[in-house]
C-alpha atoms as a PDB file:
ATOM      1  CA  MET A   1     135.189 112.182 138.009  1.00  0.00           C
ATOM      2  CA  ALA A   2     136.106 108.648 139.031  1.00  0.00           C
ATOM      3  CA  ASP A   3     138.053 106.348 136.753  1.00  0.00           C
ATOM      4  CA  LYS A   4     135.700 104.097 134.738  1.00  0.00           C
ATOM      5  CA  ASN A   5     137.618 100.992 135.760  1.00  0.00           C
ATOM      6  CA  ALA A   6     137.375 101.918 139.428  1.00  0.00           C
ATOM      7  CA  MET A   7     133.568 102.119 139.212  1.00  0.00           C
ATOM      8  CA  LEU A   8     133.186  98.606 137.760  1.00  0.00           C
ATOM      9  CA  PRO A   9     136.254  96.630 138.856  1.00  0.00           C
ATOM     10  CA  GLY A  10     134.946  93.133 137.961  1.00  0.00           C
ATOM     11  CA  MET A  11     133.675  94.077 134.521  1.00  0.00           C
ATOM     12  CA  THR A  12     135.887  93.343 131.528  1.00  0.00           C
ATOM     13  CA  GLU A  13     135.748  95.388 128.350  1.00  0.00           C
ATOM     14  CA  GLN A  14     134.012  92.487 126.622  1.00  0.00           C
ATOM     15  CA  LYS A  15     131.287  92.390 129.295  1.00  0.00           C
ATOM     16  CA  LYS A  16     130.810  96.148 129.031  1.00  0.00           C
ATOM     17  CA  GLN A  17     130.346  95.874 125.274  1.00  0.00           C
ATOM     18  CA  ALA A  18     127.832  93.028 125.701  1.00  0.00           C
ATOM     19  CA  VAL A  19     125.779  95.114 128.148  1.00  0.00           C
ATOM     20  CA  ILE A  20     125.822  98.141 125.849  1.00  0.00           C
ATOM     21  CA  GLU A  21     124.817  95.997 122.869  1.00  0.00           C
ATOM     22  CA  ARG A  22     121.931  94.426 124.789  1.00  0.00           C
ATOM     23  CA  LEU A  23     120.679  97.850 125.905  1.00  0.00           C
ATOM     24  CA  TRP A  24     120.700  99.231 122.360  1.00  0.00           C
ATOM     25  CA  LEU A  25     118.977  96.189 120.872  1.00  0.00           C
ATOM     26  CA  THR A  26     116.310  96.337 123.575  1.00  0.00           C
ATOM     27  CA  TYR A  27     115.847 100.054 122.999  1.00  0.00           C
ATOM     28  CA  TYR A  28     115.389  99.608 119.238  1.00  0.00           C
ATOM     29  CA  ASN A  29     113.011  96.693 119.756  1.00  0.00           C
ATOM     30  CA  ASP A  30     110.851  98.687 122.198  1.00  0.00           C
ATOM     31  CA  THR A  31     110.918 101.727 119.912  1.00  0.00           C
ATOM     32  CA  LEU A  32     109.690  99.715 116.929  1.00  0.00           C
ATOM     33  CA  PHE A  33     106.863  98.357 119.055  1.00  0.00           C
ATOM     34  CA  SER A  34     105.884 101.743 120.480  1.00  0.00           C
ATOM     35  CA  LYS A  35     105.709 103.200 116.950  1.00  0.00           C
ATOM     36  CA  GLY A  36     103.473 100.342 115.832  1.00  0.00           C
ATOM     37  CA  LEU A  37     105.987  98.969 113.332  1.00  0.00           C
ATOM     38  CA  ILE A  38     106.049  95.505 114.930  1.00  0.00           C
ATOM     39  CA  THR A  39     103.448  93.526 116.865  1.00  0.00           C
ATOM     40  CA  GLU A  40     103.657  92.581 120.528  1.00  0.00           C
ATOM     41  CA  GLU A  41     104.303  88.983 119.499  1.00  0.00           C
ATOM     42  CA  GLN A  42     107.232  90.073 117.313  1.00  0.00           C
ATOM     43  CA  ARG A  43     108.597  92.248 120.124  1.00  0.00           C
ATOM     44  CA  ASN A  44     108.418  89.375 122.602  1.00  0.00           C
ATOM     45  CA  LYS A  45     110.141  86.970 120.208  1.00  0.00           C
ATOM     46  CA  MET A  46     112.914  89.488 119.638  1.00  0.00           C
ATOM     47  CA  ARG A  47     113.309  90.034 123.406  1.00  0.00           C
ATOM     48  CA  ILE A  48     114.006  86.323 123.783  1.00  0.00           C
ATOM     49  CA  LYS A  49     116.520  86.396 120.923  1.00  0.00           C
ATOM     50  CA  ILE A  50     118.273  89.420 122.419  1.00  0.00           C
ATOM     51  CA  ARG A  51     118.424  87.819 125.866  1.00  0.00           C
ATOM     52  CA  ASN A  52     119.709  84.497 124.512  1.00  0.00           C
ATOM     53  CA  ARG A  53     122.222  86.189 122.213  1.00  0.00           C
ATOM     54  CA  SER A  54     123.909  88.068 125.021  1.00  0.00           C
ATOM     55  CA  ALA A  55     123.396  85.509 127.796  1.00  0.00           C
ATOM     56  CA  PRO A  56     126.560  84.007 129.216  1.00  0.00           C
ATOM     57  CA  LYS A  57     127.270  80.500 127.968  1.00  0.00           C
ATOM     58  CA  GLN A  58     126.419  77.916 130.612  1.00  0.00           C
ATOM     59  CA  ARG A  59     127.999  74.450 130.811  1.00  0.00           C
END
């Protein structure tokens, strides 16, 4: 198997963690919606919060 760093040479450990975190938060959000525990409006609001939370800071 190839070295993990060789597969994603431009990705720092911090960026990897941010991607993993965003995937998990999105998964949980979608799961809550699919089980009927939150409304579509709540899911959409949370999607925006997740995206903004992990978005790179722009100047």
